[in-house]
Amino acid sequence: MNVMEYLSQKVVQLYETTAFAGLELGNVVMMVIALGFIYLAITKRYEPLLLIPIGFGVIVGNMPTESGVPLVYGEDSVLRFLYFGVEKEIYPPLIFLGIGAMTDFSTMLSNPKLVLLGAAAQVGVFLTYLGALCLAFTPQQAGAIGIIGGADGPTAIFLASNLAPELLGAIAIAAYSYMALVPVIQPPIMRLLTTKNERLIRMKPSRKVTRQELIMFPIVAFLICTLLAPGSIVLMGMLFFGNLLKECTVTDRLALTARTAMIDIVTILLGFCVGASTTAQYFLKGESILIFVLGAVSFAIATGCGVLFAKLMNLFLKEKINPLVGAAGVSAVPGSARVVQLVGQEEDPGNYLLMHAMAPNVAGVIGSAIAAGVLWSQLAN
């Protein structure tokens, strides 16, 4: 063997030891999508706390490995142990604990009728469930896809892990993508379904809620919600436990930890692991694209149902509700409420709808968890 043959063999061997040898077009496509997520997070500030961990996780997950198995599925990989928290529904309840510790339910308690808007938005979940059944998804898969309309990433992951783990990556990415794209998706629907005069409606300031009400609410609400939907016990329990830590004022250290360090750590792990699980071989399939389409339909229906139900309520109310507030019935807190504020101020810069919109927004968190509990109890094997 001459020198040139020897060197050429070594060059080939060197190439085969790099990731280039196993890199496929699908992996490159996924990396480009991931860069799109990161771009939107940094330049547009669309949910950067979610899209940056997910985006970088997608890049890591689509890097070829020596074994050919994605790191989150490799038996000896550290990422496999971190992904265990996604598969076994450990991370979503912990995030709900943090959400509870940072949520102020006073806006909802001061105007209880706005809770109905959060319930109305869940219609999108069940209509999409029926649509997915018509498209030949199994009942379990259809239920997991439908919950995307609630715009609640942790709830979507929790339900998909139980009902359709094979679709977990696609459902999680779809749910978080639509949460991030709330400022893009919702405004056109809100303007389409409302008139200028409706968007100009001003709502009276809400009453002040007592400390006793705030302390009693998480206990009473947990009992009511879980008696109606036992499947939501885990999520509702953590949500209202976190809220009790906040409102009782004697566990400030625990509440502070839950809503800061703990939820931040879990969000990093959850986002990164979900992103790393979406390798091209598992993700770039026809059903993944269909899930994204159904998720968009579900989210649009949920937004529209909230707005239309507010218009329906106005037929019977003396003090009218600005129908824009109904769009906040999805669970994207506080993104949807901020969108309501922005759209409302386009018509009237002096109209402050944010606090009113927070009522159906936090009700949507409860509503999506109850909807997930109902689907789980009915569809779990």
Protein backbone atom coordinates (compact mmCIF):
# COMPACT_ATOMS: atom_id res chain seq x y z
CA MET A 1 0.00 0.00 0.00
CA ASN A 2 1.50 3.30 -1.06
CA VAL A 3 1.37 6.49 0.93
CA MET A 4 -1.54 8.01 -1.03
CA GLU A 5 -3.74 4.95 -0.51
CA TYR A 6 -2.93 4.92 3.18
CA LEU A 7 -3.75 8.62 3.58
CA SER A 8 -7.00 8.28 1.63
CA GLN A 9 -8.08 5.41 3.89
CA LYS A 10 -7.33 7.50 6.95
CA VAL A 11 -9.32 10.40 5.54
CA VAL A 12 -12.29 8.07 4.98
CA GLN A 13 -11.93 6.65 8.49
CA LEU A 14 -11.73 10.14 9.94
CA TYR A 15 -14.89 11.16 8.07
CA GLU A 16 -16.74 8.07 9.30
CA THR A 17 -15.91 8.93 12.92
CA THR A 18 -17.49 12.38 12.58
CA ALA A 19 -21.20 13.16 12.82
CA PHE A 20 -21.25 14.15 9.14
CA ALA A 21 -21.38 10.49 8.15
CA GLY A 22 -24.71 9.95 9.90
CA LEU A 23 -26.23 13.35 9.19
CA GLU A 24 -29.38 13.12 7.08
CA LEU A 25 -31.43 15.77 5.33
CA GLY A 26 -34.18 15.40 7.94
CA ASN A 27 -31.72 16.25 10.72
CA VAL A 28 -30.71 19.41 8.90
CA VAL A 29 -34.36 20.38 8.43
CA MET A 30 -35.02 19.96 12.15
CA MET A 31 -31.96 22.05 13.00
CA VAL A 32 -33.20 24.84 10.73
CA ILE A 33 -36.59 24.70 12.48
CA ALA A 34 -34.77 24.88 15.82
CA LEU A 35 -32.86 27.95 14.70
CA GLY A 36 -36.21 29.47 13.74
CA PHE A 37 -37.46 28.90 17.30
CA ILE A 38 -34.36 30.52 18.76
CA TYR A 39 -34.65 33.45 16.33
CA LEU A 40 -38.28 34.08 17.32
CA ALA A 41 -37.40 33.81 21.00
CA ILE A 42 -34.55 36.31 20.81
CA THR A 43 -35.72 38.84 18.22
CA LYS A 44 -39.50 38.70 18.74
CA ARG A 45 -39.42 37.64 22.40
CA TYR A 46 -41.99 34.91 21.76
CA GLU A 47 -41.85 32.84 24.98
CA PRO A 48 -38.01 32.82 25.14
CA LEU A 49 -38.00 30.79 28.37
CA LEU A 50 -39.61 27.95 26.42
CA LEU A 51 -38.41 28.29 22.84
CA ILE A 52 -34.70 28.67 23.57
CA PRO A 53 -34.42 25.43 25.63
CA ILE A 54 -36.63 23.59 23.12
CA GLY A 55 -34.77 24.99 20.12
CA PHE A 56 -31.32 24.10 21.42
CA GLY A 57 -32.64 20.70 22.53
CA VAL A 58 -33.81 20.02 18.96
CA ILE A 59 -30.30 20.78 17.68
CA VAL A 60 -28.75 18.41 20.23
CA GLY A 61 -31.31 15.70 19.54
CA ASN A 62 -30.69 15.78 15.80
CA MET A 63 -26.95 15.41 16.07
CA PRO A 64 -26.11 11.83 14.93
CA THR A 65 -24.66 9.51 17.57
CA GLU A 66 -22.32 6.52 17.26
CA SER A 67 -25.09 4.09 18.18
CA GLY A 68 -27.62 5.73 15.87
CA VAL A 69 -30.04 6.04 18.79
CA PRO A 70 -31.04 9.55 19.98
CA LEU A 71 -29.46 10.44 23.31
CA VAL A 72 -32.80 10.72 25.13
CA TYR A 73 -33.52 7.09 24.20
CA GLY A 74 -30.02 5.67 24.78
CA GLU A 75 -29.77 3.41 27.80
CA ASP A 76 -26.48 4.82 29.10
CA SER A 77 -27.06 8.47 28.26
CA VAL A 78 -27.44 11.15 30.92
CA LEU A 79 -30.17 12.71 28.80
CA ARG A 80 -32.08 9.46 29.10
CA PHE A 81 -32.33 9.96 32.86
CA LEU A 82 -33.39 13.59 32.44
CA TYR A 83 -36.02 12.54 29.88
CA PHE A 84 -37.41 10.15 32.46
CA GLY A 85 -39.06 13.17 34.07
CA VAL A 86 -40.98 13.78 30.84
CA GLU A 87 -41.97 10.17 30.26
CA LYS A 88 -43.15 9.58 33.81
CA GLU A 89 -45.03 12.91 34.14
CA ILE A 90 -42.71 14.26 36.86
CA TYR A 91 -42.01 17.69 35.38
CA PRO A 92 -45.57 18.89 34.54
CA PRO A 93 -46.91 18.69 38.14
CA LEU A 94 -43.83 20.51 39.41
CA ILE A 95 -44.44 23.27 36.89
CA PHE A 96 -48.05 23.46 38.05
CA LEU A 97 -46.80 23.88 41.61
CA GLY A 98 -44.75 26.88 40.49
CA ILE A 99 -47.64 28.29 38.46
CA GLY A 100 -49.90 28.05 41.49
CA ALA A 101 -47.34 29.88 43.62
CA MET A 102 -47.20 32.78 41.16
CA THR A 103 -50.90 32.99 40.24
CA ASP A 104 -53.22 35.62 41.65
CA PHE A 105 -56.79 34.33 41.54
CA SER A 106 -58.23 37.55 42.95
CA THR A 107 -59.21 38.83 39.49
CA MET A 108 -61.25 35.69 38.94
CA LEU A 109 -62.82 35.73 42.40
CA SER A 110 -63.76 39.40 42.08
CA ASN A 111 -65.79 38.69 38.92
CA PRO A 112 -66.77 34.99 39.01
CA LYS A 113 -68.89 35.07 35.86
CA LEU A 114 -65.69 35.44 33.81
CA VAL A 115 -64.83 31.87 34.82
CA LEU A 116 -67.37 30.79 32.20
CA LEU A 117 -65.12 32.21 29.49
CA GLY A 118 -62.31 29.92 30.59
CA ALA A 119 -64.72 26.99 30.42
CA ALA A 120 -66.02 28.02 26.99
CA ALA A 121 -62.51 27.99 25.54
CA GLN A 122 -62.23 24.28 26.35
CA VAL A 123 -64.81 23.53 23.65
CA GLY A 124 -61.90 23.64 21.22
CA VAL A 125 -60.30 20.70 23.01
CA PHE A 126 -63.28 18.40 22.57
CA LEU A 127 -64.12 19.49 19.01
CA THR A 128 -60.54 18.77 17.98
CA TYR A 129 -60.76 15.41 19.74
CA LEU A 130 -63.72 14.54 17.50
CA GLY A 131 -61.88 15.84 14.44
CA ALA A 132 -58.83 13.70 15.22
CA LEU A 133 -61.07 10.64 15.54
CA CYS A 134 -62.44 11.36 12.06
CA LEU A 135 -58.85 11.42 10.76
CA ALA A 136 -58.26 7.84 11.96
CA PHE A 137 -56.28 8.62 15.12
CA THR A 138 -57.02 6.29 18.01
CA PRO A 139 -59.23 7.66 20.82
CA GLN A 140 -56.16 7.97 23.07
CA GLN A 141 -54.16 9.83 20.42
CA ALA A 142 -57.13 12.06 19.62
CA GLY A 143 -57.50 13.01 23.27
CA ALA A 144 -53.82 13.90 23.57
CA ILE A 145 -53.97 15.98 20.37
CA GLY A 146 -57.13 17.81 21.42
CA ILE A 147 -55.60 19.19 24.61
CA ILE A 148 -53.20 21.29 22.48
CA GLY A 149 -56.09 23.73 22.12
CA GLY A 150 -55.81 24.58 25.79
CA ALA A 151 -52.42 26.21 25.04
CA ASP A 152 -50.93 24.58 28.12
CA GLY A 153 -47.63 22.82 27.44
CA PRO A 154 -47.28 20.97 30.78
CA THR A 155 -50.87 19.68 30.57
CA ALA A 156 -50.32 18.53 26.98
CA ILE A 157 -47.16 16.66 28.00
CA PHE A 158 -48.88 15.15 31.03
CA LEU A 159 -51.79 13.81 28.96
CA ALA A 160 -49.68 12.68 26.00
CA SER A 161 -47.34 10.76 28.34
CA ASN A 162 -50.34 8.82 29.60
CA LEU A 163 -52.42 8.38 26.46
CA ALA A 164 -50.09 8.59 23.46
CA PRO A 165 -46.40 8.48 24.39
CA GLU A 166 -45.51 7.76 20.75
CA LEU A 167 -46.78 11.26 19.85
CA LEU A 168 -45.28 13.02 22.86
CA GLY A 169 -42.60 14.98 20.96
CA ALA A 170 -44.93 16.28 18.26
CA ILE A 171 -47.68 17.20 20.73
CA ALA A 172 -45.27 18.95 23.11
CA ILE A 173 -43.62 20.97 20.34
CA ALA A 174 -47.02 21.92 18.89
CA ALA A 175 -48.38 22.99 22.28
CA TYR A 176 -45.37 25.13 23.16
CA SER A 177 -45.18 26.57 19.64
CA TYR A 178 -48.76 27.81 19.80
CA MET A 179 -48.20 29.18 23.31
CA ALA A 180 -45.31 31.21 21.89
CA LEU A 181 -47.30 32.33 18.85
CA VAL A 182 -50.28 33.67 20.83
CA PRO A 183 -49.50 37.29 19.73
CA VAL A 184 -49.62 36.14 16.09
CA ILE A 185 -52.56 33.73 16.08
CA GLN A 186 -55.11 35.33 18.37
CA PRO A 187 -55.45 39.00 17.22
CA PRO A 188 -56.85 38.23 13.71
CA ILE A 189 -59.46 35.89 15.21
CA MET A 190 -60.40 38.45 17.86
CA ARG A 191 -60.85 41.23 15.28
CA LEU A 192 -62.79 38.97 12.94
CA LEU A 193 -65.35 37.98 15.59
CA THR A 194 -65.90 41.42 17.17
CA THR A 195 -67.13 44.80 16.00
CA LYS A 196 -65.41 48.11 16.68
CA ASN A 197 -68.12 49.07 19.18
CA GLU A 198 -67.65 45.79 21.04
CA ARG A 199 -63.90 46.31 21.22
CA LEU A 200 -64.52 49.76 22.72
CA ILE A 201 -66.53 48.42 25.69
CA ARG A 202 -65.06 49.50 29.02
CA MET A 203 -65.51 47.26 32.05
CA LYS A 204 -65.93 48.50 35.60
CA PRO A 205 -63.11 47.90 38.10
CA SER A 206 -63.50 44.67 40.03
CA ARG A 207 -64.18 44.50 43.74
CA LYS A 208 -61.41 43.90 46.26
CA VAL A 209 -61.08 40.27 47.37
CA THR A 210 -60.49 39.50 51.04
CA ARG A 211 -57.54 37.53 52.36
CA GLN A 212 -59.93 34.89 53.75
CA GLU A 213 -61.35 34.31 50.27
CA LEU A 214 -57.88 33.93 48.79
CA ILE A 215 -56.89 31.36 51.43
CA MET A 216 -60.10 29.36 51.18
CA PHE A 217 -60.22 29.34 47.38
CA PRO A 218 -57.43 26.80 46.63
CA ILE A 219 -58.86 24.35 49.16
CA VAL A 220 -62.49 24.64 48.02
CA ALA A 221 -61.56 24.77 44.32
CA PHE A 222 -59.42 21.65 44.61
CA LEU A 223 -62.26 19.71 46.22
CA ILE A 224 -64.77 20.82 43.59
CA CYS A 225 -62.49 20.26 40.59
CA THR A 226 -61.27 16.83 41.61
CA LEU A 227 -64.72 15.62 42.63
CA LEU A 228 -65.90 16.51 39.11
CA ALA A 229 -62.76 15.23 37.34
CA PRO A 230 -60.72 12.80 39.48
CA GLY A 231 -58.21 12.43 36.65
CA SER A 232 -57.03 15.97 37.33
CA ILE A 233 -56.02 15.30 40.95
CA VAL A 234 -52.27 15.47 40.35
CA LEU A 235 -52.27 18.70 38.34
CA MET A 236 -54.99 20.41 40.38
CA GLY A 237 -53.40 19.29 43.63
CA MET A 238 -50.05 20.82 42.77
CA LEU A 239 -51.60 23.99 41.30
CA PHE A 240 -53.75 24.76 44.33
CA PHE A 241 -51.09 23.63 46.80
CA GLY A 242 -48.70 26.14 45.27
CA ASN A 243 -51.38 28.82 45.44
CA LEU A 244 -52.05 28.08 49.11
CA LEU A 245 -48.34 28.45 49.84
CA LYS A 246 -48.55 31.92 48.29
CA GLU A 247 -51.79 33.13 49.82
CA CYS A 248 -51.43 31.89 53.39
CA THR A 249 -48.40 34.26 53.83
CA VAL A 250 -46.74 31.99 56.43
CA THR A 251 -44.80 29.90 53.88
CA ASP A 252 -43.27 32.70 51.85
CA ARG A 253 -39.94 30.91 51.51
CA LEU A 254 -41.59 27.83 50.03
CA ALA A 255 -43.75 29.89 47.70
CA LEU A 256 -40.74 31.93 46.56
CA THR A 257 -38.75 28.77 45.82
CA ALA A 258 -41.65 27.20 43.92
CA ARG A 259 -42.25 30.21 41.67
CA THR A 260 -38.60 31.07 41.01
CA ALA A 261 -35.74 28.58 41.30
CA MET A 262 -37.77 25.38 41.11
CA ILE A 263 -40.01 26.26 38.16
CA ASP A 264 -37.03 27.71 36.28
CA ILE A 265 -35.00 24.52 36.73
CA VAL A 266 -37.88 22.28 35.71
CA THR A 267 -38.70 24.48 32.69
CA ILE A 268 -35.10 24.21 31.49
CA LEU A 269 -35.08 20.42 31.84
CA LEU A 270 -38.52 19.96 30.33
CA GLY A 271 -37.93 22.22 27.34
CA PHE A 272 -34.49 20.84 26.56
CA CYS A 273 -35.53 17.18 26.89
CA VAL A 274 -38.67 17.64 24.80
CA GLY A 275 -36.59 19.33 22.11
CA ALA A 276 -33.96 16.60 22.22
CA SER A 277 -36.63 13.93 21.70
CA THR A 278 -37.74 15.38 18.35
CA THR A 279 -35.20 13.75 16.08
CA ALA A 280 -36.03 13.74 12.39
CA GLN A 281 -36.49 9.96 12.29
CA TYR A 282 -39.22 10.16 14.92
CA PHE A 283 -40.64 13.61 14.19
CA LEU A 284 -40.71 14.24 10.43
CA LYS A 285 -43.73 12.09 9.66
CA GLY A 286 -47.08 12.82 8.11
CA GLU A 287 -48.86 12.43 11.45
CA SER A 288 -46.61 15.10 13.02
CA ILE A 289 -47.66 17.61 10.37
CA LEU A 290 -51.29 16.61 10.90
CA ILE A 291 -50.89 17.14 14.65
CA PHE A 292 -49.59 20.66 14.02
CA VAL A 293 -52.58 21.41 11.78
CA LEU A 294 -55.05 19.99 14.30
CA GLY A 295 -53.32 21.89 17.09
CA ALA A 296 -53.68 25.16 15.21
CA VAL A 297 -57.36 24.42 14.54
CA SER A 298 -57.91 23.54 18.19
CA PHE A 299 -56.25 26.74 19.38
CA ALA A 300 -58.21 28.87 16.91
CA ILE A 301 -61.50 27.24 17.95
CA ALA A 302 -60.71 27.73 21.64
CA THR A 303 -59.98 31.43 21.05
CA GLY A 304 -63.12 31.88 18.97
CA CYS A 305 -65.34 30.05 21.46
CA GLY A 306 -64.17 32.32 24.27
CA VAL A 307 -64.96 35.46 22.26
CA LEU A 308 -68.33 34.19 21.03
CA PHE A 309 -69.39 33.06 24.50
CA ALA A 310 -68.63 36.54 25.85
CA LYS A 311 -70.91 37.96 23.14
CA LEU A 312 -73.59 35.47 24.16
CA MET A 313 -73.29 36.47 27.82
CA ASN A 314 -73.75 40.11 26.85
CA LEU A 315 -77.27 39.29 25.65
CA PHE A 316 -78.22 38.64 29.28
CA LEU A 317 -75.96 41.03 31.22
CA LYS A 318 -76.65 44.65 32.14
CA GLU A 319 -72.95 45.36 32.63
CA LYS A 320 -71.43 44.29 29.33
CA ILE A 321 -68.23 42.31 28.93
CA ASN A 322 -65.71 43.35 26.32
CA PRO A 323 -65.75 40.23 24.07
CA LEU A 324 -61.99 40.49 23.57
CA VAL A 325 -61.63 39.25 27.14
CA GLY A 326 -63.05 35.89 26.06
CA ALA A 327 -59.93 35.20 23.98
CA ALA A 328 -57.95 34.94 27.22
CA GLY A 329 -59.88 31.79 28.15
CA VAL A 330 -57.03 29.63 26.86
CA SER A 331 -54.35 28.63 29.32
CA ALA A 332 -51.46 30.69 27.93
CA VAL A 333 -50.84 32.78 31.06
CA PRO A 334 -50.27 35.71 30.90
CA GLY A 335 -49.67 35.87 27.14
CA SER A 336 -53.32 35.79 26.13
CA ALA A 337 -54.28 38.45 28.68
CA ARG A 338 -51.54 40.72 27.32
CA VAL A 339 -52.82 40.21 23.77
CA VAL A 340 -56.31 41.22 24.91
CA GLN A 341 -54.83 44.40 26.41
CA LEU A 342 -52.91 45.24 23.22
CA VAL A 343 -55.84 44.63 20.86
CA GLY A 344 -58.19 46.60 23.12
CA GLN A 345 -55.82 49.57 23.28
CA GLU A 346 -55.53 49.67 19.50
CA GLU A 347 -59.14 50.90 19.51
CA ASP A 348 -59.02 52.86 22.76
CA PRO A 349 -55.60 53.60 24.33
CA GLY A 350 -57.31 54.39 27.64
CA ASN A 351 -59.10 51.05 27.92
CA TYR A 352 -57.29 48.77 30.39
CA LEU A 353 -58.46 45.18 29.96
CA LEU A 354 -55.45 43.32 31.35
CA MET A 355 -56.77 42.62 34.85
CA HIS A 356 -60.19 41.67 33.51
CA ALA A 357 -58.55 39.32 30.99
CA MET A 358 -56.51 37.64 33.73
CA ALA A 359 -59.72 36.20 35.19
CA PRO A 360 -60.57 33.91 32.24
CA ASN A 361 -56.84 33.39 31.67
CA VAL A 362 -56.26 31.77 35.06
CA ALA A 363 -59.65 30.03 34.75
CA GLY A 364 -58.30 28.56 31.52
CA VAL A 365 -55.42 26.96 33.44
CA ILE A 366 -57.94 25.21 35.65
CA GLY A 367 -60.19 24.40 32.70
CA SER A 368 -57.45 22.77 30.63
CA ALA A 369 -56.36 20.63 33.57
CA ILE A 370 -59.97 19.53 34.17
CA ALA A 371 -60.38 18.77 30.46
CA ALA A 372 -57.21 16.68 30.59
CA GLY A 373 -58.54 14.87 33.66
CA VAL A 374 -61.81 14.08 31.91
CA LEU A 375 -60.03 12.76 28.82
CA TRP A 376 -57.62 10.72 30.91
CA SER A 377 -60.35 9.11 33.01
CA GLN A 378 -62.37 8.25 29.90
CA LEU A 379 -59.57 7.12 27.59
CA ALA A 380 -56.84 5.60 29.76
CA ASN A 381 -56.49 1.86 29.25
